PDB file of all heavy atoms in Angstrom:
ATOM      1  N   LEU A   1     -93.540 -10.183 191.999  1.00  0.00           N
ATOM      2  CA  LEU A   1     -92.397 -10.705 191.262  1.00  0.00           C
ATOM      3  C   LEU A   1     -91.732  -9.563 190.515  1.00  0.00           C
ATOM      4  O   LEU A   1     -92.397  -8.730 189.889  1.00  0.00           O
ATOM      5  CB  LEU A   1     -92.848 -11.780 190.271  1.00  0.00           C
ATOM      6  CG  LEU A   1     -93.230 -13.140 190.874  1.00  0.00           C
ATOM      7  CD1 LEU A   1     -93.789 -14.038 189.793  1.00  0.00           C
ATOM      8  CD2 LEU A   1     -92.015 -13.795 191.518  1.00  0.00           C
ATOM      9  N   GLY A   2     -90.419  -9.511 190.560  1.00  0.00           N
ATOM     10  CA  GLY A   2     -89.694  -8.424 189.928  1.00  0.00           C
ATOM     11  C   GLY A   2     -89.673  -7.196 190.808  1.00  0.00           C
ATOM     12  O   GLY A   2     -90.200  -7.189 191.927  1.00  0.00           O
ATOM     13  N   THR A   3     -89.076  -6.162 190.306  1.00  0.00           N
ATOM     14  CA  THR A   3     -88.952  -4.931 191.097  1.00  0.00           C
ATOM     15  C   THR A   3     -89.487  -3.718 190.342  1.00  0.00           C
ATOM     16  O   THR A   3     -89.112  -2.584 190.614  1.00  0.00           O
ATOM     17  CB  THR A   3     -87.480  -4.691 191.469  1.00  0.00           C
ATOM     18  OG1 THR A   3     -86.686  -4.643 190.280  1.00  0.00           O
ATOM     19  CG2 THR A   3     -86.956  -5.799 192.374  1.00  0.00           C
ATOM     20  N   ALA A   4     -90.372  -3.942 189.359  1.00  0.00           N
ATOM     21  CA  ALA A   4     -90.957  -2.828 188.605  1.00  0.00           C
ATOM     22  C   ALA A   4     -91.925  -2.050 189.494  1.00  0.00           C
ATOM     23  O   ALA A   4     -92.456  -2.572 190.481  1.00  0.00           O
ATOM     24  CB  ALA A   4     -91.684  -3.352 187.372  1.00  0.00           C
ATOM     25  N   ASP A   5     -92.161  -0.780 189.120  1.00  0.00           N
ATOM     26  CA  ASP A   5     -93.096   0.044 189.882  1.00  0.00           C
ATOM     27  C   ASP A   5     -94.497  -0.558 189.849  1.00  0.00           C
ATOM     28  O   ASP A   5     -94.961  -1.078 188.831  1.00  0.00           O
ATOM     29  CB  ASP A   5     -93.149   1.451 189.288  1.00  0.00           C
ATOM     30  CG  ASP A   5     -91.866   2.223 189.545  1.00  0.00           C
ATOM     31  OD1 ASP A   5     -91.128   1.842 190.480  1.00  0.00           O
ATOM     32  OD2 ASP A   5     -91.589   3.178 188.800  1.00  0.00           O
ATOM     33  N   VAL A   6     -95.173  -0.492 190.991  1.00  0.00           N
ATOM     34  CA  VAL A   6     -96.559  -0.935 191.098  1.00  0.00           C
ATOM     35  C   VAL A   6     -97.406   0.296 191.380  1.00  0.00           C
ATOM     36  O   VAL A   6     -97.161   0.994 192.369  1.00  0.00           O
ATOM     37  CB  VAL A   6     -96.724  -1.972 192.227  1.00  0.00           C
ATOM     38  CG1 VAL A   6     -98.193  -2.382 192.356  1.00  0.00           C
ATOM     39  CG2 VAL A   6     -95.858  -3.185 191.968  1.00  0.00           C
ATOM     40  N   PRO A   7     -98.380   0.583 190.527  1.00  0.00           N
ATOM     41  CA  PRO A   7     -99.196   1.786 190.741  1.00  0.00           C
ATOM     42  C   PRO A   7     -99.829   1.798 192.125  1.00  0.00           C
ATOM     43  O   PRO A   7    -100.354   0.788 192.595  1.00  0.00           O
ATOM     44  CB  PRO A   7    -100.270   1.667 189.642  1.00  0.00           C
ATOM     45  CG  PRO A   7     -99.649   0.809 188.587  1.00  0.00           C
ATOM     46  CD  PRO A   7     -98.770  -0.148 189.320  1.00  0.00           C
ATOM     47  N   GLY A   8     -99.759   2.919 192.780  1.00  0.00           N
ATOM     48  CA  GLY A   8    -100.372   3.080 194.089  1.00  0.00           C
ATOM     49  C   GLY A   8     -99.559   2.496 195.227  1.00  0.00           C
ATOM     50  O   GLY A   8    -100.046   2.448 196.354  1.00  0.00           O
ATOM     51  N   CYS A   9     -98.322   2.060 194.937  1.00  0.00           N
ATOM     52  CA  CYS A   9     -97.489   1.443 195.965  1.00  0.00           C
ATOM     53  C   CYS A   9     -96.082   2.026 195.924  1.00  0.00           C
ATOM     54  O   CYS A   9     -95.641   2.570 194.908  1.00  0.00           O
ATOM     55  CB  CYS A   9     -97.399  -0.072 195.758  1.00  0.00           C
ATOM     56  SG  CYS A   9     -98.960  -0.947 195.932  1.00  0.00           S
ATOM     57  N   GLU A  10     -95.395   1.897 197.042  1.00  0.00           N
ATOM     58  CA  GLU A  10     -93.977   2.237 197.066  1.00  0.00           C
ATOM     59  C   GLU A  10     -93.159   0.981 197.329  1.00  0.00           C
ATOM     60  O   GLU A  10     -93.577   0.092 198.070  1.00  0.00           O
ATOM     61  CB  GLU A  10     -93.691   3.275 198.156  1.00  0.00           C
ATOM     62  CG  GLU A  10     -93.978   2.824 199.569  1.00  0.00           C
ATOM     63  CD  GLU A  10     -93.526   3.838 200.607  1.00  0.00           C
ATOM     64  OE1 GLU A  10     -92.625   4.627 200.304  1.00  0.00           O
ATOM     65  OE2 GLU A  10     -94.094   3.817 201.725  1.00  0.00           O
ATOM     66  N   LEU A  11     -91.998   0.896 196.686  1.00  0.00           N
ATOM     67  CA  LEU A  11     -91.097  -0.241 196.877  1.00  0.00           C
ATOM     68  C   LEU A  11     -90.309  -0.020 198.165  1.00  0.00           C
ATOM     69  O   LEU A  11     -89.584   0.969 198.299  1.00  0.00           O
ATOM     70  CB  LEU A  11     -90.135  -0.357 195.690  1.00  0.00           C
ATOM     71  CG  LEU A  11     -89.198  -1.557 195.700  1.00  0.00           C
ATOM     72  CD1 LEU A  11     -89.972  -2.857 195.499  1.00  0.00           C
ATOM     73  CD2 LEU A  11     -88.148  -1.406 194.582  1.00  0.00           C
ATOM     74  N   VAL A  12     -90.429  -0.941 199.114  1.00  0.00           N
ATOM     75  CA  VAL A  12     -89.763  -0.774 200.403  1.00  0.00           C
ATOM     76  C   VAL A  12     -88.648  -1.799 200.615  1.00  0.00           C
ATOM     77  O   VAL A  12     -87.909  -1.729 201.604  1.00  0.00           O
ATOM     78  CB  VAL A  12     -90.775  -0.864 201.567  1.00  0.00           C
ATOM     79  CG1 VAL A  12     -91.754   0.292 201.496  1.00  0.00           C
ATOM     80  CG2 VAL A  12     -91.506  -2.197 201.568  1.00  0.00           C
ATOM     81  N   GLY A  13     -88.517  -2.743 199.703  1.00  0.00           N
ATOM     82  CA  GLY A  13     -87.448  -3.728 199.840  1.00  0.00           C
ATOM     83  C   GLY A  13     -87.395  -4.629 198.627  1.00  0.00           C
ATOM     84  O   GLY A  13     -88.371  -4.770 197.890  1.00  0.00           O
ATOM     85  N   THR A  14     -86.234  -5.202 198.395  1.00  0.00           N
ATOM     86  CA  THR A  14     -86.093  -6.144 197.281  1.00  0.00           C
ATOM     87  C   THR A  14     -85.416  -7.413 197.782  1.00  0.00           C
ATOM     88  O   THR A  14     -84.559  -7.375 198.667  1.00  0.00           O
ATOM     89  CB  THR A  14     -85.256  -5.540 196.136  1.00  0.00           C
ATOM     90  OG1 THR A  14     -83.965  -5.188 196.627  1.00  0.00           O
ATOM     91  CG2 THR A  14     -85.925  -4.316 195.546  1.00  0.00           C
ATOM     92  N   LEU A  15     -85.813  -8.508 197.203  1.00  0.00           N
ATOM     93  CA  LEU A  15     -85.192  -9.792 197.478  1.00  0.00           C
ATOM     94  C   LEU A  15     -84.591 -10.307 196.181  1.00  0.00           C
ATOM     95  O   LEU A  15     -85.321 -10.503 195.206  1.00  0.00           O
ATOM     96  CB  LEU A  15     -86.228 -10.798 198.010  1.00  0.00           C
ATOM     97  CG  LEU A  15     -86.879 -10.453 199.350  1.00  0.00           C
ATOM     98  CD1 LEU A  15     -87.969 -11.475 199.672  1.00  0.00           C
ATOM     99  CD2 LEU A  15     -85.844 -10.424 200.457  1.00  0.00           C
ATOM    100  N   PRO A  16     -83.282 -10.517 196.137  1.00  0.00           N
ATOM    101  CA  PRO A  16     -82.668 -11.012 194.908  1.00  0.00           C
ATOM    102  C   PRO A  16     -83.074 -12.449 194.630  1.00  0.00           C
ATOM    103  O   PRO A  16     -83.653 -13.135 195.494  1.00  0.00           O
ATOM    104  CB  PRO A  16     -81.167 -10.911 195.199  1.00  0.00           C
ATOM    105  CG  PRO A  16     -81.076 -11.003 196.686  1.00  0.00           C
ATOM    106  CD  PRO A  16     -82.300 -10.333 197.211  1.00  0.00           C
ATOM    107  N   ALA A  17     -82.774 -12.920 193.450  1.00  0.00           N
ATOM    108  CA  ALA A  17     -83.036 -14.316 193.104  1.00  0.00           C
ATOM    109  C   ALA A  17     -82.330 -15.236 194.098  1.00  0.00           C
ATOM    110  O   ALA A  17     -81.255 -14.924 194.616  1.00  0.00           O
ATOM    111  CB  ALA A  17     -82.546 -14.587 191.687  1.00  0.00           C
ATOM    112  N   LEU A  18     -82.946 -16.373 194.378  1.00  0.00           N
ATOM    113  CA  LEU A  18     -82.382 -17.340 195.313  1.00  0.00           C
ATOM    114  C   LEU A  18     -82.429 -18.724 194.669  1.00  0.00           C
ATOM    115  O   LEU A  18     -83.485 -19.171 194.235  1.00  0.00           O
ATOM    116  CB  LEU A  18     -83.188 -17.331 196.617  1.00  0.00           C
ATOM    117  CG  LEU A  18     -82.725 -18.289 197.723  1.00  0.00           C
ATOM    118  CD1 LEU A  18     -81.333 -17.922 198.208  1.00  0.00           C
ATOM    119  CD2 LEU A  18     -83.718 -18.267 198.888  1.00  0.00           C
ATOM    120  N   TYR A  19     -81.289 -19.373 194.609  1.00  0.00           N
ATOM    121  CA  TYR A  19     -81.169 -20.685 193.986  1.00  0.00           C
ATOM    122  C   TYR A  19     -80.723 -21.720 195.024  1.00  0.00           C
ATOM    123  O   TYR A  19     -79.986 -21.390 195.958  1.00  0.00           O
ATOM    124  CB  TYR A  19     -80.132 -20.661 192.861  1.00  0.00           C
ATOM    125  CG  TYR A  19     -80.551 -19.909 191.619  1.00  0.00           C
ATOM    126  CD1 TYR A  19     -80.541 -18.515 191.581  1.00  0.00           C
ATOM    127  CD2 TYR A  19     -80.955 -20.602 190.481  1.00  0.00           C
ATOM    128  CE1 TYR A  19     -80.922 -17.825 190.444  1.00  0.00           C
ATOM    129  CE2 TYR A  19     -81.336 -19.919 189.334  1.00  0.00           C
ATOM    130  CZ  TYR A  19     -81.321 -18.540 189.314  1.00  0.00           C
ATOM    131  OH  TYR A  19     -81.698 -17.857 188.181  1.00  0.00           O
ATOM    132  N   PRO A  20     -81.114 -22.984 194.851  1.00  0.00           N
ATOM    133  CA  PRO A  20     -80.595 -24.029 195.740  1.00  0.00           C
ATOM    134  C   PRO A  20     -79.072 -24.083 195.734  1.00  0.00           C
ATOM    135  O   PRO A  20     -78.459 -24.392 196.751  1.00  0.00           O
ATOM    136  CB  PRO A  20     -81.205 -25.322 195.168  1.00  0.00           C
ATOM    137  CG  PRO A  20     -82.390 -24.896 194.383  1.00  0.00           C
ATOM    138  CD  PRO A  20     -82.076 -23.529 193.867  1.00  0.00           C
ATOM    139  N   GLU A  21     -78.489 -23.793 194.588  1.00  0.00           N
ATOM    140  CA  GLU A  21     -77.025 -23.809 194.464  1.00  0.00           C
ATOM    141  C   GLU A  21     -76.358 -22.784 195.373  1.00  0.00           C
ATOM    142  O   GLU A  21     -75.161 -22.903 195.664  1.00  0.00           O
ATOM    143  CB  GLU A  21     -76.628 -23.534 193.009  1.00  0.00           C
ATOM    144  CG  GLU A  21     -76.970 -24.639 192.037  1.00  0.00           C
ATOM    145  CD  GLU A  21     -78.388 -24.590 191.493  1.00  0.00           C
ATOM    146  OE1 GLU A  21     -79.229 -23.826 192.050  1.00  0.00           O
ATOM    147  OE2 GLU A  21     -78.685 -25.311 190.521  1.00  0.00           O
ATOM    148  N   TRP A  22     -77.123 -21.773 195.796  1.00  0.00           N
ATOM    149  CA  TRP A  22     -76.540 -20.687 196.573  1.00  0.00           C
ATOM    150  C   TRP A  22     -76.711 -20.847 198.079  1.00  0.00           C
ATOM    151  O   TRP A  22     -76.209 -20.025 198.850  1.00  0.00           O
ATOM    152  CB  TRP A  22     -77.169 -19.353 196.152  1.00  0.00           C
ATOM    153  CG  TRP A  22     -76.876 -18.979 194.732  1.00  0.00           C
ATOM    154  CD1 TRP A  22     -76.026 -19.614 193.860  1.00  0.00           C
ATOM    155  CD2 TRP A  22     -77.452 -17.894 194.000  1.00  0.00           C
ATOM    156  NE1 TRP A  22     -76.030 -19.000 192.641  1.00  0.00           N
ATOM    157  CE2 TRP A  22     -76.901 -17.924 192.690  1.00  0.00           C
ATOM    158  CE3 TRP A  22     -78.366 -16.894 194.309  1.00  0.00           C
ATOM    159  CZ2 TRP A  22     -77.237 -17.001 191.705  1.00  0.00           C
ATOM    160  CZ3 TRP A  22     -78.706 -15.971 193.339  1.00  0.00           C
ATOM    161  CH2 TRP A  22     -78.148 -16.020 192.046  1.00  0.00           C
ATOM    162  N   LEU A  23     -77.411 -21.876 198.509  1.00  0.00           N
ATOM    163  CA  LEU A  23     -77.510 -22.113 199.941  1.00  0.00           C
ATOM    164  C   LEU A  23     -76.152 -22.577 200.465  1.00  0.00           C
ATOM    165  O   LEU A  23     -75.392 -23.235 199.776  1.00  0.00           O
ATOM    166  CB  LEU A  23     -78.581 -23.167 200.237  1.00  0.00           C
ATOM    167  CG  LEU A  23     -80.009 -22.839 199.795  1.00  0.00           C
ATOM    168  CD1 LEU A  23     -80.937 -24.003 200.117  1.00  0.00           C
ATOM    169  CD2 LEU A  23     -80.520 -21.560 200.448  1.00  0.00           C
ATOM    170  N   GLY A  24     -75.854 -22.268 201.699  1.00  0.00           N
ATOM    171  CA  GLY A  24     -74.581 -22.705 202.263  1.00  0.00           C
ATOM    172  C   GLY A  24     -73.408 -21.920 201.727  1.00  0.00           C
ATOM    173  O   GLY A  24     -73.535 -20.782 201.273  1.00  0.00           O
ATOM    174  N   ASP A  25     -72.234 -22.532 201.778  1.00  0.00           N
ATOM    175  CA  ASP A  25     -70.984 -21.904 201.351  1.00  0.00           C
ATOM    176  C   ASP A  25     -70.713 -22.275 199.901  1.00  0.00           C
ATOM    177  O   ASP A  25     -70.545 -23.453 199.562  1.00  0.00           O
ATOM    178  CB  ASP A  25     -69.847 -22.402 202.248  1.00  0.00           C
ATOM    179  CG  ASP A  25     -68.562 -21.610 202.063  1.00  0.00           C
ATOM    180  OD1 ASP A  25     -68.290 -21.167 200.924  1.00  0.00           O
ATOM    181  OD2 ASP A  25     -67.817 -21.453 203.047  1.00  0.00           O
ATOM    182  N   ARG A  26     -70.654 -21.280 199.021  1.00  0.00           N
ATOM    183  CA  ARG A  26     -70.477 -21.573 197.598  1.00  0.00           C
ATOM    184  C   ARG A  26     -69.111 -22.176 197.295  1.00  0.00           C
ATOM    185  O   ARG A  26     -68.928 -22.816 196.256  1.00  0.00           O
ATOM    186  CB  ARG A  26     -70.694 -20.310 196.771  1.00  0.00           C
ATOM    187  CG  ARG A  26     -72.119 -19.779 196.875  1.00  0.00           C
ATOM    188  CD  ARG A  26     -72.421 -18.759 195.798  1.00  0.00           C
ATOM    189  NE  ARG A  26     -73.569 -17.936 196.160  1.00  0.00           N
ATOM    190  CZ  ARG A  26     -74.049 -16.975 195.397  1.00  0.00           C
ATOM    191  NH1 ARG A  26     -73.475 -16.701 194.237  1.00  0.00           N
ATOM    192  NH2 ARG A  26     -75.105 -16.272 195.788  1.00  0.00           N
ATOM    193  N   SER A  27     -68.149 -22.001 198.185  1.00  0.00           N
ATOM    194  CA  SER A  27     -66.840 -22.605 197.942  1.00  0.00           C
ATOM    195  C   SER A  27     -66.921 -24.130 198.015  1.00  0.00           C
ATOM    196  O   SER A  27     -66.083 -24.831 197.431  1.00  0.00           O
ATOM    197  CB  SER A  27     -65.806 -22.091 198.949  1.00  0.00           C
ATOM    198  OG  SER A  27     -66.047 -22.586 200.259  1.00  0.00           O
ATOM    199  N   PHE A  28     -67.919 -24.674 198.723  1.00  0.00           N
ATOM    200  CA  PHE A  28     -68.071 -26.130 198.790  1.00  0.00           C
ATOM    201  C   PHE A  28     -68.325 -26.685 197.394  1.00  0.00           C
ATOM    202  O   PHE A  28     -67.692 -27.663 196.974  1.00  0.00           O
ATOM    203  CB  PHE A  28     -69.220 -26.493 199.730  1.00  0.00           C
ATOM    204  CG  PHE A  28     -69.418 -27.985 199.894  1.00  0.00           C
ATOM    205  CD1 PHE A  28     -68.766 -28.675 200.896  1.00  0.00           C
ATOM    206  CD2 PHE A  28     -70.257 -28.699 199.038  1.00  0.00           C
ATOM    207  CE1 PHE A  28     -68.926 -30.053 201.056  1.00  0.00           C
ATOM    208  CE2 PHE A  28     -70.433 -30.068 199.181  1.00  0.00           C
ATOM    209  CZ  PHE A  28     -69.757 -30.740 200.189  1.00  0.00           C
ATOM    210  N   ALA A  29     -69.257 -26.058 196.676  1.00  0.00           N
ATOM    211  CA  ALA A  29     -69.561 -26.517 195.323  1.00  0.00           C
ATOM    212  C   ALA A  29     -68.359 -26.347 194.406  1.00  0.00           C
ATOM    213  O   ALA A  29     -68.058 -27.217 193.579  1.00  0.00           O
ATOM    214  CB  ALA A  29     -70.764 -25.767 194.773  1.00  0.00           C
ATOM    215  N   ALA A  30     -67.638 -25.237 194.545  1.00  0.00           N
ATOM    216  CA  ALA A  30     -66.483 -24.992 193.688  1.00  0.00           C
ATOM    217  C   ALA A  30     -65.365 -25.996 193.947  1.00  0.00           C
ATOM    218  O   ALA A  30     -64.773 -26.555 193.015  1.00  0.00           O
ATOM    219  CB  ALA A  30     -65.974 -23.566 193.905  1.00  0.00           C
ATOM    220  N   ASP A  31     -65.086 -26.279 195.213  1.00  0.00           N
ATOM    221  CA  ASP A  31     -63.975 -27.175 195.553  1.00  0.00           C
ATOM    222  C   ASP A  31     -64.293 -28.636 195.220  1.00  0.00           C
ATOM    223  O   ASP A  31     -63.400 -29.387 194.813  1.00  0.00           O
ATOM    224  CB  ASP A  31     -63.638 -27.061 197.043  1.00  0.00           C
ATOM    225  CG  ASP A  31     -62.941 -25.755 197.375  1.00  0.00           C
ATOM    226  OD1 ASP A  31     -62.552 -25.033 196.437  1.00  0.00           O
ATOM    227  OD2 ASP A  31     -62.793 -25.455 198.581  1.00  0.00           O
ATOM    228  N   HIS A  32     -65.543 -29.036 195.413  1.00  0.00           N
ATOM    229  CA  HIS A  32     -65.913 -30.430 195.162  1.00  0.00           C
ATOM    230  C   HIS A  32     -66.412 -30.660 193.739  1.00  0.00           C
ATOM    231  O   HIS A  32     -66.598 -31.813 193.335  1.00  0.00           O
ATOM    232  CB  HIS A  32     -66.995 -30.882 196.147  1.00  0.00           C
ATOM    233  CG  HIS A  32     -66.502 -31.077 197.545  1.00  0.00           C
ATOM    234  ND1 HIS A  32     -65.961 -32.266 197.991  1.00  0.00           N
ATOM    235  CD2 HIS A  32     -66.459 -30.228 198.611  1.00  0.00           C
ATOM    236  CE1 HIS A  32     -65.618 -32.153 199.258  1.00  0.00           C
ATOM    237  NE2 HIS A  32     -65.913 -30.926 199.670  1.00  0.00           N
ATOM    238  N   GLY A  33     -66.645 -29.583 193.006  1.00  0.00           N
ATOM    239  CA  GLY A  33     -67.145 -29.729 191.646  1.00  0.00           C
ATOM    240  C   GLY A  33     -68.567 -30.243 191.592  1.00  0.00           C
ATOM    241  O   GLY A  33     -68.901 -31.105 190.774  1.00  0.00           O
ATOM    242  N   VAL A  34     -69.439 -29.705 192.466  1.00  0.00           N
ATOM    243  CA  VAL A  34     -70.814 -30.183 192.554  1.00  0.00           C
ATOM    244  C   VAL A  34     -71.798 -29.037 192.341  1.00  0.00           C
ATOM    245  O   VAL A  34     -71.438 -27.856 192.392  1.00  0.00           O
ATOM    246  CB  VAL A  34     -71.093 -30.848 193.918  1.00  0.00           C
ATOM    247  CG1 VAL A  34     -70.272 -32.121 194.051  1.00  0.00           C
ATOM    248  CG2 VAL A  34     -70.805 -29.889 195.076  1.00  0.00           C
ATOM    249  N   ARG A  35     -73.056 -29.408 192.102  1.00  0.00           N
ATOM    250  CA  ARG A  35     -74.106 -28.419 191.886  1.00  0.00           C
ATOM    251  C   ARG A  35     -74.599 -27.816 193.190  1.00  0.00           C
ATOM    252  O   ARG A  35     -74.830 -26.604 193.287  1.00  0.00           O
ATOM    253  CB  ARG A  35     -75.267 -29.079 191.137  1.00  0.00           C
ATOM    254  CG  ARG A  35     -76.440 -28.160 190.875  1.00  0.00           C
ATOM    255  CD  ARG A  35     -77.565 -28.885 190.146  1.00  0.00           C
ATOM    256  NE  ARG A  35     -78.733 -28.027 189.998  1.00  0.00           N
ATOM    257  CZ  ARG A  35     -79.913 -28.438 189.533  1.00  0.00           C
ATOM    258  NH1 ARG A  35     -80.063 -29.709 189.159  1.00  0.00           N
ATOM    259  NH2 ARG A  35     -80.929 -27.594 189.443  1.00  0.00           N
ATOM    260  N   PHE A  36     -74.811 -28.665 194.208  1.00  0.00           N
ATOM    261  CA  PHE A  36     -75.376 -28.222 195.481  1.00  0.00           C
ATOM    262  C   PHE A  36     -74.387 -28.465 196.629  1.00  0.00           C
ATOM    263  O   PHE A  36     -73.586 -29.397 196.569  1.00  0.00           O
ATOM    264  CB  PHE A  36     -76.647 -29.003 195.832  1.00  0.00           C
ATOM    265  CG  PHE A  36     -77.777 -28.889 194.864  1.00  0.00           C
ATOM    266  CD1 PHE A  36     -78.572 -29.995 194.585  1.00  0.00           C
ATOM    267  CD2 PHE A  36     -78.069 -27.695 194.235  1.00  0.00           C
ATOM    268  CE1 PHE A  36     -79.638 -29.908 193.705  1.00  0.00           C
ATOM    269  CE2 PHE A  36     -79.132 -27.595 193.348  1.00  0.00           C
ATOM    270  CZ  PHE A  36     -79.911 -28.709 193.076  1.00  0.00           C
ATOM    271  N   PRO A  37     -74.498 -27.685 197.699  1.00  0.00           N
ATOM    272  CA  PRO A  37     -73.745 -27.991 198.930  1.00  0.00           C
ATOM    273  C   PRO A  37     -74.453 -29.095 199.710  1.00  0.00           C
ATOM    274  O   PRO A  37     -75.007 -28.884 200.789  1.00  0.00           O
ATOM    275  CB  PRO A  37     -73.748 -26.653 199.683  1.00  0.00           C
ATOM    276  CG  PRO A  37     -75.038 -26.007 199.262  1.00  0.00           C
ATOM    277  CD  PRO A  37     -75.254 -26.416 197.832  1.00  0.00           C
ATOM    278  N   TYR A  38     -74.452 -30.287 199.147  1.00  0.00           N
ATOM    279  CA  TYR A  38     -75.260 -31.410 199.616  1.00  0.00           C
ATOM    280  C   TYR A  38     -74.466 -32.687 199.402  1.00  0.00           C
ATOM    281  O   TYR A  38     -73.831 -32.871 198.355  1.00  0.00           O
ATOM    282  CB  TYR A  38     -76.564 -31.448 198.816  1.00  0.00           C
ATOM    283  CG  TYR A  38     -77.515 -32.591 199.153  1.00  0.00           C
ATOM    284  CD1 TYR A  38     -78.636 -32.371 199.932  1.00  0.00           C
ATOM    285  CD2 TYR A  38     -77.305 -33.877 198.659  1.00  0.00           C
ATOM    286  CE1 TYR A  38     -79.532 -33.411 200.223  1.00  0.00           C
ATOM    287  CE2 TYR A  38     -78.187 -34.914 198.938  1.00  0.00           C
ATOM    288  CZ  TYR A  38     -79.293 -34.679 199.721  1.00  0.00           C
ATOM    289  OH  TYR A  38     -80.161 -35.697 200.011  1.00  0.00           O
ATOM    290  N   VAL A  39     -74.516 -33.592 200.395  1.00  0.00           N
ATOM    291  CA  VAL A  39     -73.796 -34.860 200.312  1.00  0.00           C
ATOM    292  C   VAL A  39     -74.742 -36.000 200.676  1.00  0.00           C
ATOM    293  O   VAL A  39     -75.439 -35.927 201.690  1.00  0.00           O
ATOM    294  CB  VAL A  39     -72.585 -34.889 201.276  1.00  0.00           C
ATOM    295  CG1 VAL A  39     -71.794 -36.188 201.100  1.00  0.00           C
ATOM    296  CG2 VAL A  39     -71.687 -33.674 201.068  1.00  0.00           C
ATOM    297  N   ALA A  40     -74.768 -37.045 199.848  1.00  0.00           N
ATOM    298  CA  ALA A  40     -75.405 -38.300 200.240  1.00  0.00           C
ATOM    299  C   ALA A  40     -74.345 -39.071 201.011  1.00  0.00           C
ATOM    300  O   ALA A  40     -73.406 -39.610 200.441  1.00  0.00           O
ATOM    301  CB  ALA A  40     -75.877 -39.083 199.012  1.00  0.00           C
ATOM    302  N   GLY A  41     -74.497 -39.092 202.321  1.00  0.00           N
ATOM    303  CA  GLY A  41     -73.430 -39.560 203.192  1.00  0.00           C
ATOM    304  C   GLY A  41     -73.249 -41.063 203.185  1.00  0.00           C
ATOM    305  O   GLY A  41     -74.085 -41.837 202.702  1.00  0.00           O
ATOM    306  N   GLU A  42     -72.117 -41.464 203.775  1.00  0.00           N
ATOM    307  CA  GLU A  42     -71.746 -42.869 203.859  1.00  0.00           C
ATOM    308  C   GLU A  42     -72.699 -43.638 204.764  1.00  0.00           C
ATOM    309  O   GLU A  42     -73.052 -43.183 205.841  1.00  0.00           O
ATOM    310  CB  GLU A  42     -70.322 -43.002 204.400  1.00  0.00           C
ATOM    311  CG  GLU A  42     -70.105 -42.375 205.767  1.00  0.00           C
ATOM    312  CD  GLU A  42     -69.612 -40.939 205.725  1.00  0.00           C
ATOM    313  OE1 GLU A  42     -69.827 -40.255 204.705  1.00  0.00           O
ATOM    314  OE2 GLU A  42     -69.006 -40.495 206.712  1.00  0.00           O
ATOM    315  N   MET A  43     -73.133 -44.785 204.315  1.00  0.00           N
ATOM    316  CA  MET A  43     -73.870 -45.737 205.137  1.00  0.00           C
ATOM    317  C   MET A  43     -73.134 -47.064 205.031  1.00  0.00           C
ATOM    318  O   MET A  43     -72.819 -47.524 203.936  1.00  0.00           O
ATOM    319  CB  MET A  43     -75.317 -45.858 204.676  1.00  0.00           C
ATOM    320  CG  MET A  43     -76.138 -44.603 204.947  1.00  0.00           C
ATOM    321  SD  MET A  43     -77.815 -44.720 204.266  1.00  0.00           S
ATOM    322  CE  MET A  43     -77.461 -44.552 202.523  1.00  0.00           C
ATOM    323  N   ALA A  44     -72.874 -47.658 206.170  1.00  0.00           N
ATOM    324  CA  ALA A  44     -71.939 -48.776 206.271  1.00  0.00           C
ATOM    325  C   ALA A  44     -72.356 -49.979 205.437  1.00  0.00           C
ATOM    326  O   ALA A  44     -73.508 -50.116 205.026  1.00  0.00           O
ATOM    327  CB  ALA A  44     -71.786 -49.186 207.733  1.00  0.00           C
ATOM    328  N   GLN A  45     -71.369 -50.847 205.211  1.00  0.00           N
ATOM    329  CA  GLN A  45     -71.556 -52.115 204.521  1.00  0.00           C
ATOM    330  C   GLN A  45     -72.123 -51.950 203.120  1.00  0.00           C
ATOM    331  O   GLN A  45     -72.902 -52.768 202.636  1.00  0.00           O
ATOM    332  CB  GLN A  45     -72.423 -53.065 205.352  1.00  0.00           C
ATOM    333  CG  GLN A  45     -71.759 -53.452 206.676  1.00  0.00           C
ATOM    334  CD  GLN A  45     -72.504 -54.531 207.430  1.00  0.00           C
ATOM    335  OE1 GLN A  45     -73.551 -55.005 206.993  1.00  0.00           O
ATOM    336  NE2 GLN A  45     -71.962 -54.940 208.560  1.00  0.00           N
TER     337      GLN A  45
END
């Protein structure tokens, strides 16, 4: 966790923070005013 130096190791890659809000296209959340790019879809009747 984090990207601080680890004794006896070399850092070969980093993974930035990842949030559910960031999956998919972020413009979806901005345009619809929602937290997630997720829809509870229509079910008839």
